[in-house]
N, C-alpha and C. Protein backbone atom coordinates (compact mmCIF):
# COMPACT_ATOMS: atom_id res chain seq x y z
N UNK A 1 68.07 107.57 171.16
CA UNK A 1 68.89 107.30 172.11
C UNK A 1 70.39 107.79 170.95
N UNK A 2 71.05 108.60 171.85
CA UNK A 2 71.96 109.41 171.19
C UNK A 2 73.16 107.96 171.52
N UNK A 3 74.44 108.28 170.13
CA UNK A 3 75.53 107.68 170.43
C UNK A 3 76.49 108.04 171.64
N UNK A 4 76.23 108.83 172.24
CA UNK A 4 77.25 109.93 173.17
C UNK A 4 76.98 109.40 174.38
N UNK A 5 75.08 108.43 174.41
CA UNK A 5 74.81 107.75 175.52
C UNK A 5 76.08 107.38 176.63
N UNK A 6 75.97 106.79 177.49
CA UNK A 6 76.87 106.29 178.81
C UNK A 6 76.59 104.75 178.24
N UNK A 7 75.08 104.66 177.62
CA UNK A 7 74.69 102.88 177.47
C UNK A 7 75.74 102.48 176.38
N UNK A 8 75.93 103.05 175.48
CA UNK A 8 76.13 102.77 174.29
C UNK A 8 77.68 103.31 174.87
N UNK A 9 78.57 104.02 175.04
CA UNK A 9 79.84 104.00 175.14
C UNK A 9 80.32 102.81 175.69
N UNK A 10 79.57 102.28 176.93
CA UNK A 10 80.09 101.24 177.83
C UNK A 10 80.06 99.97 177.09
N UNK A 11 79.03 99.59 176.10
CA UNK A 11 78.34 98.40 175.29
C UNK A 11 79.37 98.41 174.44
N UNK A 12 79.66 99.35 173.80
CA UNK A 12 80.98 99.38 172.78
C UNK A 12 82.25 99.02 173.32
N UNK A 13 82.13 99.71 174.61
CA UNK A 13 84.13 99.16 175.45
C UNK A 13 83.70 98.21 175.67
N UNK A 14 83.16 97.46 176.28
CA UNK A 14 82.68 95.96 176.75
C UNK A 14 83.01 94.67 175.47
N UNK A 15 82.34 95.66 174.19
CA UNK A 15 83.00 94.52 173.22
C UNK A 15 84.09 94.93 172.60
N UNK A 16 84.68 95.95 172.33
CA UNK A 16 85.77 95.78 171.71
C UNK A 16 86.72 97.37 172.83
N UNK A 17 87.05 96.54 173.60
CA UNK A 17 88.30 97.20 174.58
C UNK A 17 89.47 98.21 174.07
N UNK A 18 89.94 97.31 173.10
CA UNK A 18 91.12 97.82 172.23
C UNK A 18 90.48 99.26 171.12
N UNK A 19 89.31 99.47 171.28
CA UNK A 19 89.16 100.47 169.97
C UNK A 19 88.44 101.60 170.90
N UNK A 20 89.10 103.34 170.89
CA UNK A 20 88.95 104.29 171.30
C UNK A 20 88.41 104.84 170.61
N UNK A 21 86.73 105.21 170.90
CA UNK A 21 85.94 105.92 170.46
C UNK A 21 86.17 107.56 171.11
N UNK A 22 85.94 108.42 169.48
CA UNK A 22 86.24 109.70 169.89
C UNK A 22 85.47 110.50 168.94
N UNK A 23 84.29 110.76 169.89
CA UNK A 23 83.31 111.75 169.48
C UNK A 23 83.03 112.86 169.68
N UNK A 24 82.67 113.73 168.88
CA UNK A 24 82.51 115.47 168.73
C UNK A 24 81.49 115.66 168.35
N UNK A 25 80.83 116.73 168.95
CA UNK A 25 79.61 117.20 168.85
C UNK A 25 79.82 118.61 167.73
N UNK A 26 79.24 118.41 166.59
CA UNK A 26 79.25 119.90 165.76
C UNK A 26 78.16 119.55 164.85
N UNK A 27 78.57 120.92 163.52
CA UNK A 27 77.33 120.76 163.06
C UNK A 27 77.10 119.93 161.65
N UNK A 28 76.59 119.90 160.85
CA UNK A 28 76.00 119.31 159.60
C UNK A 28 77.62 119.42 159.13
N UNK A 29 77.17 120.55 158.70
CA UNK A 29 78.24 121.17 157.55
C UNK A 29 80.28 120.88 158.14
N UNK A 30 80.39 120.82 158.97
CA UNK A 30 81.51 120.58 159.51
C UNK A 30 81.66 119.40 159.58
N UNK A 31 80.99 118.38 160.02
CA UNK A 31 80.55 116.83 159.99
C UNK A 31 81.25 116.56 158.30
N UNK A 32 80.51 117.06 157.60
CA UNK A 32 80.31 116.24 155.97
C UNK A 32 81.66 116.98 155.51
N UNK A 33 82.22 118.21 155.93
CA UNK A 33 83.81 118.54 155.22
C UNK A 33 84.22 118.22 156.37
N UNK A 34 84.55 118.07 157.40
CA UNK A 34 86.08 116.79 158.39
C UNK A 34 85.82 115.46 157.32
N UNK A 35 84.55 115.01 156.96
CA UNK A 35 84.66 113.63 156.30
C UNK A 35 85.02 113.68 155.05
N UNK A 36 84.64 114.74 154.68
CA UNK A 36 85.43 114.76 152.83
C UNK A 36 86.66 114.89 153.11
N UNK A 37 87.40 115.54 154.01
CA UNK A 37 88.96 116.13 153.91
C UNK A 37 89.60 114.79 154.96
N UNK A 38 88.62 113.65 154.92
CA UNK A 38 89.17 112.42 155.50
C UNK A 38 89.81 112.58 157.12
N UNK A 39 89.28 113.74 157.63
CA UNK A 39 89.31 114.40 159.11
C UNK A 39 88.90 113.30 160.44
N UNK A 40 88.03 112.33 159.62
CA UNK A 40 87.19 111.70 160.24
C UNK A 40 86.28 110.46 159.52
N UNK A 41 86.00 109.46 160.44
CA UNK A 41 85.74 108.35 159.80
C UNK A 41 84.18 108.46 159.59
N UNK A 42 83.86 108.87 160.50
CA UNK A 42 82.63 108.93 160.12
C UNK A 42 81.51 110.00 160.53
N UNK A 43 80.46 110.33 160.24
CA UNK A 43 79.39 111.51 160.15
C UNK A 43 78.14 111.18 160.31
N UNK A 44 77.59 111.68 161.71
CA UNK A 44 76.02 111.33 162.38
C UNK A 44 75.50 112.29 161.83
N UNK A 45 74.60 112.84 160.87
CA UNK A 45 73.66 113.82 160.42
C UNK A 45 72.46 113.62 159.91
N UNK A 46 71.90 115.05 160.10
CA UNK A 46 70.26 114.42 159.30
C UNK A 46 70.58 114.87 157.99
N UNK A 47 69.47 114.13 157.71
CA UNK A 47 69.24 114.21 156.01
C UNK A 47 68.07 115.45 155.71
N UNK A 48 68.01 115.83 154.18
CA UNK A 48 68.67 115.06 153.50
C UNK A 48 70.18 115.90 153.50
N UNK A 49 71.24 115.21 152.46
CA UNK A 49 72.58 116.09 152.33
C UNK A 49 72.46 115.40 150.68
N UNK A 50 73.52 116.33 149.95
CA UNK A 50 73.29 116.37 148.62
C UNK A 50 74.54 115.68 148.57
N UNK A 51 75.45 115.20 149.12
CA UNK A 51 76.65 114.83 149.12
C UNK A 51 76.59 113.42 147.93
N UNK A 52 77.49 113.32 147.06
CA UNK A 52 77.28 111.29 146.25
C UNK A 52 78.69 111.03 146.90
N UNK A 53 79.56 111.39 147.45
CA UNK A 53 80.67 110.74 147.92
C UNK A 53 80.69 109.48 149.42
N UNK A 54 79.34 110.03 149.64
CA UNK A 54 79.27 109.31 151.16
C UNK A 54 78.33 108.09 150.97
N UNK A 55 78.82 107.41 151.81
CA UNK A 55 78.01 105.90 152.13
C UNK A 55 76.99 106.24 153.17
N UNK A 56 75.86 106.01 152.67
CA UNK A 56 74.62 106.06 154.02
C UNK A 56 73.71 105.19 154.44
N UNK A 57 74.09 105.61 155.85
CA UNK A 57 73.31 103.76 156.82
C UNK A 57 71.95 104.77 157.46
N UNK A 58 70.70 104.52 157.14
CA UNK A 58 70.06 105.54 157.93
C UNK A 58 69.90 104.86 159.18
N UNK A 59 70.07 105.73 160.28
CA UNK A 59 69.90 105.16 161.79
C UNK A 59 68.52 105.29 162.37
N UNK A 60 67.58 106.11 162.21
CA UNK A 60 66.66 106.43 162.43
C UNK A 60 65.63 107.64 161.87
N UNK A 61 64.20 107.91 162.50
CA UNK A 61 63.41 108.81 161.91
C UNK A 61 63.30 109.53 163.40
N UNK A 62 63.69 111.14 163.08
CA UNK A 62 63.29 111.58 164.80
C UNK A 62 62.48 112.82 164.26
N UNK A 63 61.54 113.28 166.00
CA UNK A 63 60.53 114.15 165.40
C UNK A 63 61.07 115.12 165.76
N UNK A 64 60.46 116.34 165.48
CA UNK A 64 60.66 117.82 165.81
C UNK A 64 60.10 117.80 167.63
N UNK A 65 60.46 118.48 167.99
CA UNK A 65 60.07 118.18 169.47
C UNK A 65 60.34 119.56 170.10
N UNK A 66 59.35 120.48 170.71
CA UNK A 66 59.30 121.58 171.68
C UNK A 66 59.42 121.33 172.71
N UNK A 67 60.64 121.49 173.37
CA UNK A 67 60.90 121.40 175.13
C UNK A 67 60.77 122.86 176.06
N UNK A 68 59.82 122.81 176.83
CA UNK A 68 59.81 123.69 177.84
C UNK A 68 59.34 123.58 179.12
N UNK A 69 59.06 124.08 180.08
CA UNK A 69 58.99 124.22 181.48
C UNK A 69 57.55 124.00 181.82
N UNK A 70 57.08 123.32 182.45
CA UNK A 70 55.61 122.76 182.66
C UNK A 70 54.79 123.61 182.71
N UNK A 71 55.34 125.03 182.77
CA UNK A 71 54.42 126.10 183.73
C UNK A 71 54.47 126.94 182.42
N UNK A 72 55.01 126.66 181.46
CA UNK A 72 55.31 127.60 179.79
C UNK A 72 53.60 127.35 179.80
N UNK A 73 53.10 128.29 179.10
CA UNK A 73 51.78 128.75 178.15
C UNK A 73 51.37 127.31 177.61
N UNK A 74 52.50 127.04 176.67
CA UNK A 74 52.22 126.02 175.70
C UNK A 74 52.29 124.88 176.09
N UNK A 75 52.56 124.62 177.47
CA UNK A 75 52.70 123.20 177.83
C UNK A 75 51.24 122.56 178.04
N UNK A 76 50.38 123.39 178.15
CA UNK A 76 48.77 122.61 177.83
C UNK A 76 48.28 121.93 176.57
N UNK A 77 49.01 122.82 175.72
CA UNK A 77 49.08 121.61 174.33
C UNK A 77 49.52 120.32 174.28
N UNK A 78 48.80 119.37 173.77
CA UNK A 78 48.75 118.14 172.93
C UNK A 78 50.32 118.14 172.06
N UNK A 79 50.55 119.56 171.49
CA UNK A 79 51.17 119.29 170.48
C UNK A 79 51.52 120.95 170.04
N UNK A 80 52.57 121.26 169.26
CA UNK A 80 52.77 122.58 169.17
C UNK A 80 52.57 122.64 167.25
N UNK A 81 52.06 123.75 166.81
CA UNK A 81 52.38 123.80 165.28
C UNK A 81 53.71 124.98 165.65
N UNK A 82 54.04 125.49 164.11
CA UNK A 82 54.69 127.08 164.02
C UNK A 82 54.14 127.89 164.27
N UNK A 83 52.60 128.08 164.04
CA UNK A 83 51.94 129.18 164.39
C UNK A 83 51.78 129.48 165.92
N UNK A 84 52.29 128.50 166.74
CA UNK A 84 52.04 128.51 168.19
C UNK A 84 53.27 129.80 168.18
N UNK A 85 54.68 129.31 167.64
CA UNK A 85 55.82 129.71 168.14
C UNK A 85 55.87 131.18 167.87
N UNK A 86 54.94 131.83 166.91
CA UNK A 86 54.79 133.29 167.22
C UNK A 86 54.99 134.09 168.38
N UNK A 87 55.73 134.85 168.51
CA UNK A 87 55.63 135.76 169.81
C UNK A 87 56.65 135.02 171.19
N UNK A 88 57.16 133.95 170.83
CA UNK A 88 58.04 132.93 172.05
C UNK A 88 59.45 133.17 171.54
N UNK A 89 59.92 132.95 172.55
CA UNK A 89 61.53 132.92 173.04
C UNK A 89 62.09 131.81 173.00
N UNK A 90 63.34 131.69 172.51
CA UNK A 90 63.62 130.43 171.78
C UNK A 90 64.97 130.61 172.11
N UNK A 91 65.62 129.20 172.86
CA UNK A 91 66.71 128.87 172.81
C UNK A 91 67.14 127.72 172.12
N UNK A 92 68.02 127.54 171.07
CA UNK A 92 68.47 126.30 170.48
C UNK A 92 70.17 125.93 170.00
N UNK A 93 70.27 125.42 169.41
CA UNK A 93 71.40 125.02 169.25
C UNK A 93 72.03 125.78 167.91
N UNK A 94 70.74 126.61 167.38
CA UNK A 94 71.62 127.45 166.07
C UNK A 94 71.14 127.42 164.81
N UNK A 95 71.28 128.45 164.01
CA UNK A 95 71.06 128.17 162.37
C UNK A 95 72.19 127.60 161.71
N UNK A 96 73.67 127.50 162.56
CA UNK A 96 74.88 127.03 162.40
C UNK A 96 74.86 125.09 161.96
N UNK A 97 73.49 124.96 162.80
CA UNK A 97 72.73 123.80 162.51
C UNK A 97 71.59 123.60 161.04
N UNK A 98 72.09 122.93 160.17
CA UNK A 98 71.40 122.95 159.02
C UNK A 98 69.79 123.16 159.05
N UNK A 99 69.47 121.80 159.81
CA UNK A 99 68.00 121.38 159.97
C UNK A 99 67.29 122.97 160.67
N UNK A 100 68.11 123.05 161.64
CA UNK A 100 67.07 124.17 162.56
C UNK A 100 66.79 125.01 161.75
N UNK A 101 68.12 125.99 160.68
CA UNK A 101 68.59 126.70 159.66
C UNK A 101 67.00 126.97 159.22
N UNK A 102 66.78 125.71 158.15
CA UNK A 102 65.93 125.22 156.97
C UNK A 102 64.69 125.66 157.69
N UNK A 103 64.30 125.39 158.97
CA UNK A 103 62.85 125.27 159.87
C UNK A 103 62.48 126.58 159.95
N UNK A 104 63.18 127.31 160.72
CA UNK A 104 62.92 128.52 161.06
C UNK A 104 62.67 129.31 159.83
N UNK A 105 64.05 129.41 158.95
CA UNK A 105 63.80 130.45 157.77
C UNK A 105 62.17 129.74 157.09
N UNK A 106 61.84 128.50 156.86
CA UNK A 106 60.58 128.38 155.95
C UNK A 106 59.53 128.20 156.56
N UNK A 107 59.09 128.01 157.59
CA UNK A 107 58.11 127.95 158.65
C UNK A 107 57.97 128.72 159.84
N UNK A 108 58.77 129.91 160.06
CA UNK A 108 58.42 130.74 160.85
C UNK A 108 58.72 132.21 160.16
N UNK A 109 59.96 132.15 160.28
CA UNK A 109 60.50 133.88 159.39
C UNK A 109 59.76 133.84 157.74
N UNK A 110 60.37 132.93 157.08
CA UNK A 110 59.53 132.93 155.86
C UNK A 110 57.74 133.43 155.92
N UNK A 111 57.08 133.43 156.62
CA UNK A 111 55.96 133.14 157.03
C UNK A 111 55.75 134.20 157.74
N UNK A 112 56.62 135.41 157.99
CA UNK A 112 56.49 136.80 158.82
C UNK A 112 55.99 136.67 160.43
N UNK A 113 56.21 135.24 160.82
CA UNK A 113 56.06 135.08 162.54
C UNK A 113 56.97 135.57 163.04
N UNK A 114 56.78 135.88 164.01
CA UNK A 114 58.24 136.56 165.22
C UNK A 114 58.31 135.54 166.11
N UNK A 115 59.96 135.52 166.21
CA UNK A 115 60.28 134.88 167.79
C UNK A 115 61.44 135.79 167.74
N UNK A 116 61.73 135.30 169.14
CA UNK A 116 62.71 136.06 169.87
C UNK A 116 64.18 134.73 169.91
N UNK A 117 65.21 134.77 169.36
CA UNK A 117 65.91 134.23 169.81
C UNK A 117 66.69 134.20 171.08
N UNK A 118 66.56 133.84 171.94
CA UNK A 118 67.56 134.57 173.03
C UNK A 118 69.41 134.16 173.11
N UNK A 119 69.39 132.54 172.56
CA UNK A 119 70.74 132.30 172.42
C UNK A 119 70.71 130.99 171.60
N UNK A 120 71.75 130.98 170.82
CA UNK A 120 72.21 129.66 169.99
C UNK A 120 73.89 129.40 170.79
N UNK A 121 73.58 127.88 170.81
CA UNK A 121 74.56 128.00 171.59
C UNK A 121 74.37 126.10 171.85
N UNK A 122 75.66 125.16 171.86
CA UNK A 122 75.50 123.76 172.30
C UNK A 122 75.58 123.38 173.36
N UNK A 123 75.32 124.47 174.77
CA UNK A 123 75.72 124.03 175.79
C UNK A 123 74.58 123.45 175.84
N UNK A 124 74.25 122.23 177.02
CA UNK A 124 72.90 121.60 176.87
C UNK A 124 73.09 122.02 178.44
N UNK A 125 74.02 122.21 179.16
CA UNK A 125 73.88 122.88 180.76
C UNK A 125 73.08 124.36 180.60
N UNK A 126 73.44 125.02 180.24
CA UNK A 126 72.92 126.09 179.35
C UNK A 126 71.30 126.20 179.07
N UNK A 127 70.87 125.66 178.25
CA UNK A 127 69.84 125.17 177.67
C UNK A 127 68.89 124.43 178.46
N UNK A 128 69.61 124.01 179.23
CA UNK A 128 68.48 123.27 180.65
C UNK A 128 68.30 123.95 181.42
N UNK A 129 69.00 125.10 181.60
CA UNK A 129 68.94 125.65 182.84
C UNK A 129 67.86 126.86 182.88
N UNK A 130 67.77 127.41 181.63
CA UNK A 130 66.94 127.97 180.69
C UNK A 130 65.40 128.06 180.78
N UNK A 131 65.42 126.14 180.54
CA UNK A 131 64.23 125.97 180.44
C UNK A 131 63.73 125.53 182.07
N UNK A 132 64.47 125.14 182.71
CA UNK A 132 63.88 124.98 184.29
C UNK A 132 63.84 126.53 184.87
N UNK A 133 63.92 127.48 184.50
CA UNK A 133 63.23 128.80 184.92
C UNK A 133 62.77 129.54 183.99
N UNK A 134 62.12 128.80 182.92
CA UNK A 134 61.05 129.22 181.89
C UNK A 134 61.35 130.26 181.32
N UNK A 135 62.68 130.56 180.93
CA UNK A 135 62.85 131.89 180.23
C UNK A 135 62.94 131.53 178.60
N UNK A 136 62.57 130.39 178.44
CA UNK A 136 62.65 130.52 176.63
C UNK A 136 62.20 128.70 176.50
N UNK A 137 61.82 128.50 175.23
CA UNK A 137 61.68 127.02 175.18
C UNK A 137 62.65 126.35 174.06
N UNK A 138 62.69 125.63 173.99
CA UNK A 138 63.45 124.81 173.17
C UNK A 138 63.61 123.79 172.15
N UNK A 139 63.72 124.22 170.60
CA UNK A 139 63.90 123.24 169.87
C UNK A 139 64.30 122.33 169.28
N UNK A 140 64.31 121.20 169.08
CA UNK A 140 65.28 120.22 168.83
C UNK A 140 64.57 118.82 168.34
N UNK A 141 64.94 117.69 168.62
CA UNK A 141 64.42 116.20 168.32
C UNK A 141 64.17 115.38 169.35
N UNK A 142 62.81 114.65 168.92
CA UNK A 142 62.29 114.00 170.19
C UNK A 142 63.80 113.00 170.56
N UNK A 143 64.71 112.66 170.14
CA UNK A 143 65.66 111.35 170.13
C UNK A 143 66.27 112.06 171.79
N UNK A 144 66.18 113.22 171.67
CA UNK A 144 67.14 113.93 172.82
C UNK A 144 66.71 114.13 173.91
N UNK A 145 65.16 113.69 173.70
CA UNK A 145 64.35 114.63 175.21
C UNK A 145 65.07 113.88 176.20
N UNK A 146 65.60 112.71 176.91
CA UNK A 146 66.19 112.24 177.72
C UNK A 146 67.55 113.30 178.43
N UNK A 147 68.23 114.45 177.12
CA UNK A 147 69.13 114.96 178.14
C UNK A 147 68.21 116.28 179.18
N UNK A 148 67.20 116.29 178.57
CA UNK A 148 66.23 117.80 179.78
C UNK A 148 65.66 116.93 180.84
N UNK A 149 65.80 115.80 181.26
CA UNK A 149 64.91 114.98 182.07
C UNK A 149 65.40 115.72 183.65
N UNK A 150 63.54 116.46 183.71
CA UNK A 150 63.81 117.34 184.89
C UNK A 150 62.08 117.15 185.66
N UNK A 151 61.96 117.41 186.50
CA UNK A 151 60.60 117.45 187.28
C UNK A 151 59.91 118.78 185.99
N UNK A 152 60.17 119.33 186.13
CA UNK A 152 59.98 120.77 185.37
C UNK A 152 59.66 120.68 183.90
N UNK A 153 60.91 120.07 183.45
CA UNK A 153 60.88 119.92 181.82
C UNK A 153 59.82 118.79 181.20
N UNK A 154 59.30 119.11 179.71
CA UNK A 154 57.81 118.57 179.49
C UNK A 154 58.63 118.68 177.66
N UNK A 155 57.73 117.74 176.74
CA UNK A 155 58.08 118.14 175.63
C UNK A 155 56.81 117.64 174.93
N UNK A 156 56.78 118.49 174.04
CA UNK A 156 55.58 118.50 173.01
C UNK A 156 56.12 118.10 171.79
N UNK A 157 55.27 117.05 170.84
CA UNK A 157 55.68 117.02 169.64
C UNK A 157 55.20 118.52 168.66
N UNK A 158 56.24 119.34 167.87
CA UNK A 158 55.79 119.96 167.07
C UNK A 158 55.54 119.46 165.78
N UNK A 159 54.35 119.39 165.48
CA UNK A 159 53.75 118.91 164.16
C UNK A 159 53.04 120.02 163.35
N UNK A 160 53.69 120.11 162.21
CA UNK A 160 52.82 121.23 161.21
C UNK A 160 53.11 120.90 159.78
N UNK A 161 53.03 121.24 158.98
CA UNK A 161 53.24 121.11 157.48
C UNK A 161 53.56 120.08 156.44
N UNK A 162 53.62 119.02 157.48
CA UNK A 162 53.75 117.61 156.74
C UNK A 162 55.42 117.17 156.95
N UNK A 163 56.07 118.41 157.30
CA UNK A 163 57.36 117.51 157.71
C UNK A 163 57.84 117.70 159.07
N UNK A 164 57.91 117.04 159.63
CA UNK A 164 57.75 116.96 161.46
C UNK A 164 58.54 116.38 161.55
N UNK A 165 59.72 116.13 160.67
CA UNK A 165 61.21 115.28 161.34
C UNK A 165 62.27 115.18 160.54
N UNK A 166 63.25 114.59 160.69
CA UNK A 166 64.54 114.05 159.97
C UNK A 166 64.97 112.65 159.63
N UNK A 167 65.60 111.88 158.70
CA UNK A 167 66.18 110.72 159.18
C UNK A 167 67.74 111.29 159.51
N UNK A 168 67.98 110.14 160.60
CA UNK A 168 69.21 110.40 161.28
C UNK A 168 70.08 109.71 160.58
N UNK A 169 71.56 109.33 159.72
CA UNK A 169 72.54 108.88 158.97
C UNK A 169 73.48 108.95 159.46
N UNK A 170 73.91 107.62 159.48
CA UNK A 170 75.71 107.36 159.67
C UNK A 170 76.00 107.75 158.23
N UNK A 171 77.20 108.57 158.16
CA UNK A 171 77.95 108.69 156.83
C UNK A 171 79.49 108.38 156.51
N UNK A 172 79.81 107.14 155.96
CA UNK A 172 81.34 107.20 155.93
C UNK A 172 81.47 107.57 154.65
N UNK A 173 83.02 108.00 154.23
CA UNK A 173 83.40 108.38 153.21
C UNK A 173 83.35 107.31 151.89
N UNK A 174 82.94 106.94 150.79
CA UNK A 174 82.62 105.83 150.15
C UNK A 174 83.84 105.73 148.94
N UNK A 175 84.73 106.93 149.26
CA UNK A 175 85.94 107.03 148.18
C UNK A 175 86.88 106.08 149.48
N UNK A 176 86.71 105.49 150.74
CA UNK A 176 88.13 104.85 151.27
C UNK A 176 87.89 103.43 151.36
N UNK A 177 89.00 102.81 151.84
CA UNK A 177 88.64 101.53 151.85
C UNK A 177 88.36 101.55 153.83
N UNK A 178 87.20 100.77 154.07
CA UNK A 178 86.90 100.28 155.62
C UNK A 178 88.08 99.86 155.98
N UNK A 179 88.37 100.15 157.12
CA UNK A 179 89.36 99.77 158.01
C UNK A 179 88.50 98.75 158.97
N UNK A 180 89.09 97.78 159.59
CA UNK A 180 88.54 96.56 160.38
C UNK A 180 87.85 97.45 161.70
N UNK A 181 88.73 98.90 162.20
CA UNK A 181 88.65 99.08 163.55
C UNK A 181 86.98 99.82 163.07
N UNK A 182 86.86 100.78 161.73
CA UNK A 182 85.85 101.14 161.29
C UNK A 182 84.26 100.00 161.35
N UNK A 183 84.64 99.04 160.74
CA UNK A 183 83.63 97.81 160.36
C UNK A 183 83.26 97.79 161.73
N UNK A 184 83.90 97.56 162.93
CA UNK A 184 83.28 97.18 164.20
C UNK A 184 82.67 98.24 164.54
N UNK A 185 82.76 99.50 164.07
CA UNK A 185 82.51 100.65 165.34
C UNK A 185 80.61 100.15 163.94
N UNK A 186 80.50 100.83 163.11
CA UNK A 186 79.67 100.49 161.86
C UNK A 186 78.78 99.28 162.23
N UNK A 187 78.79 98.30 162.42
CA UNK A 187 78.54 97.09 162.52
C UNK A 187 77.44 97.06 163.99
N UNK A 188 78.19 97.56 164.88
CA UNK A 188 77.73 97.62 166.26
C UNK A 188 77.06 98.64 166.29
N UNK A 189 77.32 99.94 165.65
CA UNK A 189 75.93 101.09 165.65
C UNK A 189 74.80 100.21 165.14
N UNK A 190 74.95 100.10 163.72
CA UNK A 190 73.80 99.58 163.45
C UNK A 190 73.21 98.59 163.97
N UNK A 191 73.44 98.16 165.05
CA UNK A 191 72.81 96.73 165.80
C UNK A 191 72.24 96.73 166.80
N UNK A 192 73.00 98.03 167.50
CA UNK A 192 72.82 98.72 168.52
C UNK A 192 71.49 99.34 168.26
N UNK A 193 71.73 100.00 167.50
CA UNK A 193 69.88 100.83 167.39
C UNK A 193 69.27 100.49 166.60
N UNK A 194 69.02 99.04 165.75
CA UNK A 194 67.89 98.41 165.77
C UNK A 194 67.59 97.74 166.88
N UNK A 195 68.40 97.51 168.15
CA UNK A 195 67.62 96.38 169.21
C UNK A 195 67.12 97.27 170.12
């Protein structure tokens, strides 16, 4: 489940009505840079990361998944491999996201598999529309499957090569003293994820 989900926001606001959450969806690189520059208090990123200045709290492990229209030829498979992606048209959040860039470079392009990337976008409404119209498949994480809830959209796990997902972390800048507001958010999020 995503921290931008309405359930999290409502429950957090009920407990801490005086704290206003400001959640920005961005790439891991941008989030890490902003955290280093003290432009934000936390970053939620996929691992691994090489920075040593951050306190890292693992939130959960998320598996890769392939989201597609139920009429897509791959929809009949119980799971998808990287070899299955050969010749497919893909929509994704894109190479600006380190996890996607590494996965595509290593397991698709690095093995001379051919894919057609229709568009790289963070606009979920565009992605959802392309999936409904069966114009492309989406590569993402299983924790985001609820975003694509539609009778014609299904998800299949992407399993191959022993690397089937990533741990998602909450990072804070370990060189800064944690404020009371930051402590409240961190403790609430960790407890909420654990429940």
